[in-house]
Amino acid sequence: MSRTLVLRGARVIDPASDIDEIRDLAVVGDQIAAPESLPGAEVLDFEGLVVAPGFVDLHVHFRDPGQTWKEDALSGTRAAAAGGFTAVLAMPNTTPPIDSPALLRELLDHYRRCAVVRVFQSACITRGRRGRVPTDAAALKAAGAAALTDDGSAVPDAGVLRQAMQAAKRVGLPILEHCEDPAVVGGGVLHDGETARGLGLPGTPAVSEELIVARDTMLARETGCSLHVQHVSCAGSVELVRRARAAGAPVTAEVTPHHLAYTDAACLEFGPNARMNPPLRTEQDRSALIEGLSDGTISVIATDHAPHAAREKDRPFPEALAGIIGLEAAVPVCLTELVHTGVLTLSELVARFTVGPRHVLGLPQTRLLRPGSPADLTVIDPDAEFALDISKFHSRSRNCPYHGRRCRGRPVATMVGGRWVWSLLPQISGAFS
């Protein structure tokens, strides 16, 4: 017999269906059900908690295959569940890169065996991520690819990218671009500004990102291919995305919690744990990102969860690998920085973790909490006050600047397919915590 649950008295938020109200929510087996007339149901008191459709992280690196000392399918998806995410999009810059249907099918089978949340897998835009020859978009789509990206680097040749966009458009796959021009980045290791000059380190100018955003949004408008701009970091890129969208181009964009929470001054405090690509930038850039998120120019918050071992980060700043982990800190940081400061309503924040990423991947948007829908749920305590403790994270890596950061609001339980896969709530049993 299917297990029947009633989540009683929760604030249920589903922005796609314009729902934000106190109500009961029922789960029978792996689906949402009507809460009325469910004799024998297990009733859980959820008063004071928020229940939302499962959050989706559109940008994670699980390092599986090839670098599993940093992260793997199990540790990465456990970190996702503990961050309140029921689904993630994994990047293909693994070892080897995911550029063929055979590799893609093998990896998806691996996730089906090991993952505790749903994993969508992206495949490379070009063979070997070398930027020269497009992959077979149709074959990759048939094998299960959810998107195409050479994340970690932009496709340097506009003609190659145009060809890839045309193929992706034909089969209905979005292109996700890491927008940095390597010729302009040069040897830059943090934002080209006062902090870099004070440290005597080479800087990366904002124009290195803006050049690729401008090129790619023009190609998206010309080809009609859906383009998603990854981890926008500067004011100029926000404006370029805004103009492209106003002109009718099929362009979306994401921002990371760390670009919303910190500026390049964090490099002075956190050293290599604040080194990332694209780099943290100025307060003016941070404010523009927040404005873009608020006015809808940026529709997605994604973590760019990038695990590295301690030996890869504990080096002089120019030698340390770029990137930080973010799955288990993203929602608390965003609740603190955006909702409790009045930048976004709670419903608007939920939309950036649900409506936005689902739109990019072409997933169903409406009726996510209606009877018959898959029971993928994110549960939040919006007012819980605590300090982030990276020693308790489920990721294999610890590279981030968040340790000890005070937050207000956090995920407290995650359900995937009607099963609690992670929980901090005493009324829920059987899930890891």
Protein backbone atom coordinates (compact mmCIF):
# COMPACT_ATOMS: atom_id res chain seq x y z
CA MET A 1 0.00 0.00 0.00
CA SER A 2 1.28 3.51 -0.84
CA ARG A 3 2.31 5.68 2.05
CA THR A 4 -0.07 8.60 2.63
CA LEU A 5 1.08 11.86 4.23
CA VAL A 6 -0.66 15.10 5.07
CA LEU A 7 1.53 18.15 5.63
CA ARG A 8 -0.72 20.26 7.83
CA GLY A 9 -0.76 24.02 8.14
CA ALA A 10 2.17 24.88 5.86
CA ARG A 11 2.54 28.06 3.86
CA VAL A 12 2.40 26.62 0.35
CA ILE A 13 4.15 28.69 -2.33
CA ASP A 14 4.02 27.85 -6.03
CA PRO A 15 4.77 30.99 -8.09
CA ALA A 16 3.96 29.33 -11.42
CA SER A 17 0.41 28.68 -10.26
CA ASP A 18 0.12 31.95 -8.31
CA ILE A 19 -0.30 30.07 -5.00
CA ASP A 20 0.84 31.56 -1.71
CA GLU A 21 -1.43 30.52 1.14
CA ILE A 22 -1.74 28.45 4.29
CA ARG A 23 -3.12 25.04 3.36
CA ASP A 24 -2.69 21.32 3.85
CA LEU A 25 -0.77 19.35 1.25
CA ALA A 26 -1.07 15.60 0.80
CA VAL A 27 1.23 12.99 -0.73
CA VAL A 28 0.17 9.50 -1.74
CA GLY A 29 2.99 7.31 -2.95
CA ASP A 30 5.10 9.41 -5.30
CA GLN A 31 2.44 11.98 -6.18
CA ILE A 32 0.71 15.04 -4.77
CA ALA A 33 -2.88 14.23 -3.73
CA ALA A 34 -5.97 16.08 -2.55
CA PRO A 35 -5.77 16.35 1.27
CA GLU A 36 -9.46 15.68 1.81
CA SER A 37 -10.75 12.25 2.84
CA LEU A 38 -7.47 10.43 3.43
CA PRO A 39 -8.27 8.07 6.27
CA GLY A 40 -5.23 6.64 8.01
CA ALA A 41 -2.87 9.27 6.67
CA GLU A 42 0.24 10.18 8.65
CA VAL A 43 -0.26 13.83 9.62
CA LEU A 44 2.80 16.04 10.04
CA ASP A 45 2.54 19.46 11.68
CA PHE A 46 4.14 21.96 9.27
CA GLU A 47 2.84 25.16 10.86
CA GLY A 48 5.40 27.94 10.40
CA LEU A 49 7.13 26.13 7.53
CA VAL A 50 7.07 26.86 3.80
CA VAL A 51 6.48 24.10 1.25
CA ALA A 52 7.42 24.79 -2.35
CA PRO A 53 7.90 22.80 -5.56
CA GLY A 54 11.31 21.17 -5.55
CA PHE A 55 14.16 23.60 -6.12
CA VAL A 56 16.34 23.08 -9.20
CA ASP A 57 20.03 24.04 -9.36
CA LEU A 58 20.95 24.72 -12.97
CA HIS A 59 24.72 24.65 -12.48
CA VAL A 60 26.67 22.03 -10.53
CA HIS A 61 29.98 20.24 -10.91
CA PHE A 62 30.03 16.76 -9.42
CA ARG A 63 33.49 15.78 -10.76
CA ASP A 64 32.18 12.35 -11.64
CA PRO A 65 33.79 10.78 -13.65
CA GLY A 66 37.49 11.46 -13.28
CA GLN A 67 37.95 13.63 -10.18
CA THR A 68 35.91 11.88 -7.52
CA TRP A 69 38.32 12.81 -4.74
CA LYS A 70 36.57 16.22 -4.94
CA GLU A 71 32.96 15.05 -5.34
CA ASP A 72 31.00 12.11 -6.72
CA ALA A 73 27.45 11.18 -7.62
CA LEU A 74 26.48 10.25 -4.07
CA SER A 75 28.21 13.04 -2.15
CA GLY A 76 27.14 15.67 -4.68
CA THR A 77 23.49 14.70 -4.68
CA ARG A 78 23.47 14.37 -0.88
CA ALA A 79 24.81 17.94 -0.74
CA ALA A 80 22.06 18.98 -3.15
CA ALA A 81 19.37 17.37 -1.01
CA ALA A 82 20.79 19.03 2.12
CA GLY A 83 20.62 22.34 0.27
CA GLY A 84 16.92 21.88 -0.48
CA PHE A 85 17.37 20.91 -4.14
CA THR A 86 15.35 18.08 -5.63
CA ALA A 87 17.02 18.30 -9.04
CA VAL A 88 20.28 19.58 -10.50
CA LEU A 89 21.86 20.09 -13.91
CA ALA A 90 25.39 18.64 -13.91
CA MET A 91 28.09 20.17 -16.08
CA PRO A 92 30.01 18.07 -18.64
CA ASN A 93 33.56 19.30 -17.96
CA THR A 94 34.50 16.01 -16.35
CA THR A 95 37.39 13.65 -17.15
CA PRO A 96 36.70 12.68 -19.89
CA PRO A 97 34.28 15.44 -20.96
CA ILE A 98 30.75 14.30 -21.78
CA ASP A 99 30.81 14.81 -25.53
CA SER A 100 29.36 11.55 -26.90
CA PRO A 101 26.07 9.65 -26.55
CA ALA A 102 27.92 6.61 -25.12
CA LEU A 103 29.57 8.61 -22.33
CA LEU A 104 26.31 10.41 -21.62
CA ARG A 105 24.27 7.20 -21.34
CA GLU A 106 26.89 5.64 -19.06
CA LEU A 107 26.88 8.66 -16.76
CA LEU A 108 23.08 8.86 -16.61
CA ASP A 109 22.96 5.16 -15.69
CA HIS A 110 25.50 5.86 -12.94
CA TYR A 111 23.33 8.64 -11.53
CA ARG A 112 20.24 6.44 -11.63
CA ARG A 113 22.07 3.97 -9.40
CA CYS A 114 23.67 6.43 -6.98
CA ALA A 115 21.89 9.78 -6.87
CA VAL A 116 19.46 10.77 -4.11
CA VAL A 117 17.98 13.67 -6.15
CA ARG A 118 17.09 13.95 -9.82
CA VAL A 119 20.09 14.67 -12.03
CA PHE A 120 19.81 16.24 -15.46
CA GLN A 121 23.05 16.00 -17.40
CA SER A 122 24.39 18.53 -19.88
CA ALA A 123 26.70 17.56 -22.73
CA CYS A 124 29.49 19.48 -24.45
CA ILE A 125 28.87 21.97 -27.23
CA THR A 126 32.14 20.97 -28.90
CA ARG A 127 34.15 17.78 -29.04
CA GLY A 128 36.47 17.51 -26.07
CA ARG A 129 35.40 21.03 -25.06
CA ARG A 130 38.15 22.21 -27.40
CA GLY A 131 35.93 24.75 -29.16
CA ARG A 132 36.62 23.59 -32.71
CA VAL A 133 34.08 20.97 -33.83
CA PRO A 134 30.43 20.89 -32.68
CA THR A 135 29.14 17.71 -31.08
CA ASP A 136 26.16 15.82 -32.52
CA ALA A 137 23.28 17.69 -30.88
CA ALA A 138 20.60 15.33 -32.19
CA ALA A 139 22.37 12.20 -30.96
CA LEU A 140 23.08 13.77 -27.57
CA LYS A 141 19.45 14.83 -27.21
CA ALA A 142 18.34 11.28 -28.03
CA ALA A 143 20.77 9.93 -25.40
CA GLY A 144 19.28 12.16 -22.71
CA ALA A 145 21.16 15.46 -22.76
CA ALA A 146 19.21 18.29 -21.12
CA ALA A 147 21.42 21.12 -22.45
CA LEU A 148 24.68 21.83 -24.25
CA THR A 149 27.56 23.72 -22.67
CA ASP A 150 31.34 23.88 -22.68
CA ASP A 151 31.17 25.31 -19.16
CA GLY A 152 34.54 26.35 -17.85
CA SER A 153 35.18 28.14 -21.13
CA ALA A 154 33.30 29.92 -23.87
CA VAL A 155 33.24 28.61 -27.42
CA PRO A 156 35.91 30.92 -28.87
CA ASP A 157 34.93 30.74 -32.55
CA ALA A 158 31.67 32.54 -33.35
CA GLY A 159 31.18 30.46 -36.49
CA VAL A 160 31.45 27.20 -34.55
CA LEU A 161 29.02 28.47 -31.93
CA ARG A 162 26.58 29.64 -34.61
CA GLN A 163 26.67 26.18 -36.19
CA ALA A 164 26.10 24.56 -32.79
CA MET A 165 23.23 26.91 -32.03
CA GLN A 166 21.52 26.08 -35.31
CA ALA A 167 21.76 22.37 -34.51
CA ALA A 168 20.60 22.87 -30.92
CA LYS A 169 17.63 24.92 -32.13
CA ARG A 170 16.57 22.08 -34.47
CA VAL A 171 16.45 19.52 -31.65
CA GLY A 172 15.17 21.82 -28.93
CA LEU A 173 18.22 22.00 -26.65
CA PRO A 174 19.34 25.20 -24.88
CA ILE A 175 22.92 26.41 -25.12
CA LEU A 176 24.51 27.45 -21.82
CA GLU A 177 27.58 29.67 -22.11
CA HIS A 178 30.42 30.48 -19.74
CA CYS A 179 31.03 34.01 -20.98
CA GLU A 180 34.70 34.92 -20.68
CA ASP A 181 37.00 35.85 -23.56
CA PRO A 182 40.32 34.12 -22.75
CA ALA A 183 42.27 36.61 -24.85
CA VAL A 184 41.04 39.42 -22.60
CA VAL A 185 41.17 37.46 -19.34
CA GLY A 186 44.85 36.83 -19.97
CA GLY A 187 46.45 35.84 -16.69
CA GLY A 188 43.87 37.57 -14.53
CA VAL A 189 43.09 35.83 -11.23
CA LEU A 190 40.58 38.26 -9.69
CA HIS A 191 38.64 41.34 -10.76
CA ASP A 192 40.72 44.08 -12.34
CA GLY A 193 40.26 46.73 -9.67
CA GLU A 194 41.62 48.22 -6.48
CA THR A 195 41.88 44.89 -4.66
CA ALA A 196 43.94 43.33 -7.45
CA ARG A 197 46.22 46.35 -7.62
CA GLY A 198 46.63 46.38 -3.85
CA LEU A 199 47.64 42.71 -3.87
CA GLY A 200 49.87 43.17 -6.90
CA LEU A 201 47.96 40.49 -8.83
CA PRO A 202 46.83 40.50 -12.48
CA GLY A 203 43.15 41.37 -12.90
CA THR A 204 40.33 40.19 -15.15
CA PRO A 205 38.37 43.14 -16.61
CA ALA A 206 34.58 43.05 -16.84
CA VAL A 207 34.80 43.53 -20.61
CA SER A 208 36.12 39.96 -20.90
CA GLU A 209 32.61 38.81 -19.97
CA GLU A 210 30.69 41.53 -21.74
CA LEU A 211 32.29 40.77 -25.13
CA ILE A 212 31.06 37.16 -25.11
CA VAL A 213 27.62 38.08 -23.73
CA ALA A 214 27.20 40.63 -26.54
CA ARG A 215 28.32 38.17 -29.22
CA ASP A 216 26.23 35.29 -27.92
CA THR A 217 23.03 37.25 -27.44
CA MET A 218 23.32 38.47 -31.04
CA LEU A 219 23.75 34.88 -32.24
CA ALA A 220 20.76 33.77 -30.17
CA ARG A 221 18.60 36.43 -31.77
CA GLU A 222 19.82 35.44 -35.27
CA THR A 223 19.50 31.65 -34.86
CA GLY A 224 16.49 31.53 -32.54
CA CYS A 225 18.39 29.16 -30.25
CA SER A 226 17.66 29.43 -26.53
CA LEU A 227 20.75 30.89 -24.87
CA HIS A 228 21.32 30.82 -21.13
CA VAL A 229 24.12 33.06 -19.84
CA GLN A 230 25.85 31.39 -16.92
CA HIS A 231 27.01 33.10 -13.70
CA VAL A 232 26.62 36.74 -14.77
CA SER A 233 29.06 38.83 -12.72
CA CYS A 234 29.04 42.44 -13.90
CA ALA A 235 26.74 45.39 -14.54
CA GLY A 236 27.48 45.54 -18.25
CA SER A 237 26.40 41.95 -18.78
CA VAL A 238 23.12 42.55 -16.96
CA GLU A 239 22.38 45.44 -19.29
CA LEU A 240 23.27 43.38 -22.37
CA VAL A 241 20.91 40.59 -21.28
CA ARG A 242 18.20 43.15 -20.53
CA ARG A 243 18.50 44.67 -24.01
CA ALA A 244 18.54 41.27 -25.71
CA ARG A 245 15.40 40.17 -23.91
CA ALA A 246 13.67 43.47 -24.71
CA ALA A 247 14.52 42.89 -28.39
CA GLY A 248 12.85 39.48 -28.26
CA ALA A 249 15.95 37.29 -28.22
CA PRO A 250 15.48 33.89 -26.48
CA VAL A 251 17.98 34.73 -23.73
CA THR A 252 17.96 33.92 -20.01
CA ALA A 253 20.60 34.40 -17.35
CA GLU A 254 21.65 33.18 -13.94
CA VAL A 255 23.49 34.67 -10.99
CA THR A 256 25.25 32.85 -8.17
CA PRO A 257 24.72 33.45 -4.45
CA HIS A 258 28.41 34.31 -4.04
CA HIS A 259 28.23 37.09 -6.62
CA LEU A 260 25.20 38.44 -4.74
CA ALA A 261 26.81 38.19 -1.31
CA TYR A 262 30.42 39.29 -1.86
CA THR A 263 32.61 41.70 -3.79
CA ASP A 264 36.27 41.39 -4.74
CA ALA A 265 37.15 42.74 -1.30
CA ALA A 266 36.35 39.23 -0.03
CA CYS A 267 39.64 38.11 -1.58
CA LEU A 268 41.43 40.03 1.17
CA GLU A 269 39.52 38.17 3.89
CA PHE A 270 39.17 34.69 2.44
CA GLY A 271 42.14 34.41 0.09
CA PRO A 272 41.90 31.55 -2.43
CA ASN A 273 38.46 30.56 -1.12
CA ALA A 274 37.21 33.73 -2.81
CA ARG A 275 38.90 32.95 -6.12
CA MET A 276 36.40 31.98 -8.82
CA ASN A 277 35.64 32.41 -12.53
CA PRO A 278 34.13 34.79 -13.29
CA PRO A 279 35.63 36.70 -10.37
CA LEU A 280 33.84 38.59 -7.64
CA ARG A 281 33.57 42.17 -8.80
CA THR A 282 32.72 45.61 -7.39
CA GLU A 283 29.88 46.82 -5.21
CA GLN A 284 28.45 48.58 -8.29
CA ASP A 285 28.39 45.24 -10.10
CA ARG A 286 26.85 43.46 -7.13
CA SER A 287 24.10 46.08 -6.95
CA ALA A 288 23.41 45.69 -10.68
CA LEU A 289 23.09 41.92 -10.26
CA ILE A 290 20.58 42.40 -7.47
CA GLU A 291 18.63 44.90 -9.58
CA GLY A 292 18.63 42.47 -12.51
CA LEU A 293 17.35 39.72 -10.27
CA SER A 294 14.67 42.00 -8.87
CA ASP A 295 13.36 43.26 -12.24
CA GLY A 296 13.36 39.80 -13.85
CA THR A 297 16.28 40.32 -16.22
CA ILE A 298 17.99 37.49 -14.34
CA SER A 299 15.49 34.67 -13.82
CA VAL A 300 17.68 32.00 -12.23
CA ILE A 301 19.82 31.63 -9.13
CA ALA A 302 22.31 28.80 -9.58
CA THR A 303 25.19 27.76 -7.34
CA ASP A 304 28.03 26.90 -9.75
CA HIS A 305 28.91 24.33 -7.08
CA ALA A 306 32.61 23.70 -7.83
CA PRO A 307 34.33 21.36 -5.36
CA HIS A 308 38.12 21.29 -4.98
CA ALA A 309 40.33 19.39 -2.56
CA ALA A 310 42.16 21.33 0.16
CA ARG A 311 45.51 20.77 -1.54
CA GLU A 312 44.14 22.46 -4.66
CA LYS A 313 42.98 25.55 -2.78
CA ASP A 314 45.65 25.87 -0.08
CA ARG A 315 48.11 27.57 -2.40
CA PRO A 316 49.18 31.12 -3.24
CA PHE A 317 46.24 32.96 -4.80
CA PRO A 318 47.43 32.79 -8.44
CA GLU A 319 48.05 29.03 -8.17
CA ALA A 320 44.82 28.03 -6.43
CA LEU A 321 42.06 26.50 -8.54
CA ALA A 322 39.03 28.73 -9.10
CA GLY A 323 35.58 27.89 -7.73
CA ILE A 324 33.68 27.28 -4.51
CA ILE A 325 31.07 24.85 -3.25
CA GLY A 326 27.60 26.32 -2.83
CA LEU A 327 24.79 23.76 -2.74
CA GLU A 328 24.36 23.74 1.04
CA ALA A 329 24.71 27.49 1.54
CA ALA A 330 22.74 28.88 -1.42
CA VAL A 331 19.23 29.02 0.00
CA PRO A 332 20.23 30.35 3.46
CA VAL A 333 22.47 33.02 1.91
CA CYS A 334 19.73 34.10 -0.52
CA LEU A 335 17.01 34.16 2.13
CA THR A 336 19.28 36.34 4.26
CA GLU A 337 20.56 38.65 1.53
CA LEU A 338 17.45 38.98 -0.61
CA VAL A 339 14.24 38.15 1.29
CA HIS A 340 15.02 39.45 4.76
CA THR A 341 16.41 42.66 3.27
CA GLY A 342 13.25 43.23 1.21
CA VAL A 343 14.89 42.87 -2.21
CA LEU A 344 12.65 39.93 -3.18
CA THR A 345 9.50 38.49 -1.71
CA LEU A 346 9.70 34.87 -0.63
CA SER A 347 7.54 33.91 -3.60
CA GLU A 348 9.91 35.74 -5.97
CA LEU A 349 12.90 33.92 -4.50
CA VAL A 350 11.13 30.57 -4.86
CA ALA A 351 10.50 31.45 -8.51
CA ARG A 352 14.23 31.96 -9.13
CA PHE A 353 14.85 28.41 -7.89
CA THR A 354 11.82 26.82 -9.60
CA VAL A 355 10.16 28.73 -12.46
CA GLY A 356 13.43 30.13 -13.86
CA PRO A 357 15.48 26.94 -14.12
CA ARG A 358 12.51 24.84 -15.23
CA HIS A 359 11.89 27.30 -18.08
CA VAL A 360 15.51 26.99 -19.26
CA LEU A 361 15.27 23.19 -19.32
CA GLY A 362 11.81 23.16 -20.88
CA LEU A 363 10.25 21.37 -17.91
CA PRO A 364 6.55 21.63 -16.98
CA GLN A 365 5.80 24.80 -15.05
CA THR A 366 2.21 24.68 -13.90
CA ARG A 367 0.26 22.47 -11.52
CA LEU A 368 3.45 21.38 -9.75
CA LEU A 369 1.62 21.10 -6.44
CA ARG A 370 -1.71 19.91 -7.86
CA PRO A 371 -3.00 16.34 -7.41
CA GLY A 372 -1.25 13.93 -9.74
CA SER A 373 2.00 15.88 -9.94
CA PRO A 374 5.28 14.27 -8.86
CA ALA A 375 5.88 14.79 -5.15
CA ASP A 376 9.12 16.76 -5.31
CA LEU A 377 9.10 19.26 -2.44
CA THR A 378 11.42 21.75 -0.76
CA VAL A 379 10.56 22.64 2.83
CA ILE A 380 11.94 25.85 4.36
CA ASP A 381 11.97 27.38 7.81
CA PRO A 382 12.11 31.03 6.71
CA ASP A 383 13.10 32.44 10.10
CA ALA A 384 15.57 29.90 11.49
CA GLU A 385 18.70 31.72 12.68
CA PHE A 386 21.98 29.86 12.56
CA ALA A 387 25.60 30.00 11.43
CA LEU A 388 26.81 28.01 8.43
CA ASP A 389 29.20 25.29 9.50
CA ILE A 390 31.09 23.87 6.55
CA SER A 391 32.44 20.99 8.67
CA LYS A 392 28.89 19.59 8.60
CA PHE A 393 28.42 19.90 4.85
CA HIS A 394 27.81 16.70 2.91
CA SER A 395 30.05 17.68 0.02
CA ARG A 396 33.45 16.00 -0.09
CA SER A 397 35.08 19.41 -0.40
CA ARG A 398 35.17 22.44 1.88
CA ASN A 399 36.32 25.23 -0.44
CA CYS A 400 34.10 28.24 0.27
CA PRO A 401 34.06 31.49 2.24
CA TYR A 402 30.79 30.76 4.07
CA HIS A 403 32.01 29.18 7.31
CA GLY A 404 30.53 31.02 10.31
CA ARG A 405 28.31 33.27 8.20
CA ARG A 406 25.14 34.13 10.09
CA CYS A 407 21.94 33.37 8.19
CA ARG A 408 18.21 33.71 8.70
CA GLY A 409 16.18 31.02 6.97
CA ARG A 410 17.15 27.59 5.70
CA PRO A 411 15.87 24.41 4.04
CA VAL A 412 14.77 21.83 6.60
CA ALA A 413 13.55 18.91 4.46
CA THR A 414 13.68 17.67 0.87
CA MET A 415 11.28 15.20 -0.76
CA VAL A 416 11.94 13.50 -4.11
CA GLY A 417 9.30 11.27 -5.66
CA GLY A 418 7.30 11.06 -2.45
CA ARG A 419 10.32 10.05 -0.34
CA TRP A 420 12.04 12.21 2.23
CA VAL A 421 15.68 12.19 1.16
CA TRP A 422 16.98 14.69 3.73
CA SER A 423 15.54 16.29 6.85
CA LEU A 424 16.34 18.30 9.97
CA LEU A 425 12.74 18.00 11.24
CA PRO A 426 12.09 15.73 14.22
CA GLN A 427 8.67 14.75 12.81
CA ILE A 428 10.30 13.16 9.73
CA SER A 429 12.07 9.83 10.05
CA GLY A 430 14.02 7.73 7.58
CA ALA A 431 15.94 10.51 5.82
CA PHE A 432 19.60 11.36 6.32
CA SER A 433 20.36 14.63 8.09
